[in-house]
Protein backbone atom coordinates (compact mmCIF):
# COMPACT_ATOMS: atom_id res chain seq x y z
CA MET A 1 -24.87 44.13 -34.19
CA ALA A 2 -23.63 44.48 -37.76
CA ILE A 3 -25.87 43.46 -40.64
CA ARG A 4 -23.27 41.00 -41.94
CA ASP A 5 -23.22 39.28 -38.54
CA GLU A 6 -27.00 38.87 -38.68
CA VAL A 7 -26.71 37.48 -42.21
CA ASN A 8 -24.05 34.97 -41.17
CA GLN A 9 -26.01 33.84 -38.12
CA LEU A 10 -29.15 33.24 -40.17
CA ALA A 11 -27.09 31.44 -42.82
CA ASP A 12 -25.64 29.13 -40.18
CA GLU A 13 -29.09 28.21 -38.89
CA LEU A 14 -30.46 27.66 -42.40
CA ALA A 15 -27.44 25.50 -43.23
CA LYS A 16 -28.00 23.33 -40.15
CA LEU A 17 -31.51 22.52 -41.33
CA GLY A 18 -30.46 22.02 -44.94
CA THR A 19 -27.59 19.74 -43.96
CA SER A 20 -29.88 17.65 -41.77
CA PHE A 21 -32.10 17.05 -44.82
CA ALA A 22 -29.16 16.30 -47.10
CA ASP A 23 -27.09 14.03 -44.86
CA GLY A 24 -29.29 11.00 -45.49
CA ASP A 25 -29.62 10.10 -41.82
CA LYS A 26 -33.02 10.02 -40.24
CA GLU A 27 -33.20 13.00 -37.93
CA THR A 28 -35.51 13.07 -34.95
CA ALA A 29 -38.42 15.45 -34.72
CA ALA A 30 -36.64 17.20 -31.84
CA GLU A 31 -33.61 17.90 -34.06
CA TYR A 32 -35.80 19.40 -36.79
CA ILE A 33 -37.73 21.47 -34.27
CA ASN A 34 -34.46 22.72 -32.76
CA ASN A 35 -33.18 23.68 -36.22
CA ILE A 36 -36.42 25.45 -37.10
CA PHE A 37 -36.41 27.27 -33.77
CA GLY A 38 -32.88 28.51 -34.54
CA ILE A 39 -34.06 29.89 -37.88
CA ILE A 40 -37.02 31.61 -36.22
CA LYS A 41 -34.78 33.10 -33.53
CA GLU A 42 -32.27 34.44 -36.04
CA GLY A 43 -35.04 35.59 -38.35
CA ALA A 44 -36.53 37.61 -35.51
CA ASP A 45 -33.17 39.35 -35.12
CA PHE A 46 -33.58 40.68 -38.66
CA VAL A 47 -35.78 43.47 -37.30
CA SER A 48 -32.49 45.24 -36.61
CA VAL A 49 -31.66 45.20 -40.34
CA PRO A 50 -32.92 48.36 -42.04
CA GLN A 51 -35.96 47.56 -44.15
CA ALA A 52 -34.27 48.91 -47.29
CA GLU A 53 -31.56 46.25 -46.93
CA ARG A 54 -33.60 43.38 -45.50
CA PHE A 55 -34.37 41.62 -48.80
CA LYS A 56 -30.72 41.76 -49.85
CA ALA A 57 -29.64 40.44 -46.44
CA ILE A 58 -32.10 37.53 -46.56
CA MET A 59 -31.03 36.58 -50.09
CA HIS A 60 -27.40 36.73 -48.97
CA ALA A 61 -28.15 34.45 -46.00
CA PHE A 62 -29.86 31.89 -48.25
CA ALA A 63 -26.95 31.98 -50.73
CA LEU A 64 -24.42 31.40 -47.94
CA ALA A 65 -26.54 28.61 -46.46
CA GLY A 66 -26.86 26.92 -49.83
CA ALA A 67 -23.11 27.00 -50.31
CA LYS A 68 -22.55 25.54 -46.83
CA VAL A 69 -25.05 22.73 -47.45
CA ALA A 70 -23.51 21.94 -50.83
CA ASP A 71 -20.00 21.94 -49.39
CA ALA A 72 -21.00 19.60 -46.57
CA SER A 73 -23.20 17.33 -48.68
CA ILE A 74 -21.57 16.89 -52.07
CA LYS A 75 -19.13 14.00 -52.17
CA TYR A 76 -16.98 13.35 -55.21
CA SER A 77 -15.84 9.93 -56.40
CA ASP A 78 -12.31 10.44 -55.03
CA GLU A 79 -13.67 11.19 -51.54
CA ALA A 80 -15.24 7.80 -50.84
């Protein structure tokens, strides 16, 4: 699998967890565990990323996840 695909998959899993924290609803323990398991699963797939590029790939995944969480969570006054 391509490195960018691995980055995007990890970003999606990180964003799921981040969004569950940001949405204001009370999530169940099972939902958090499921989200964390997804991160662990995708993180384990990072062994296929060459070590020289792993740090860059992880930083990229966190940046994408942060943008996804912000996009889903930030509401402006005209969006009420």
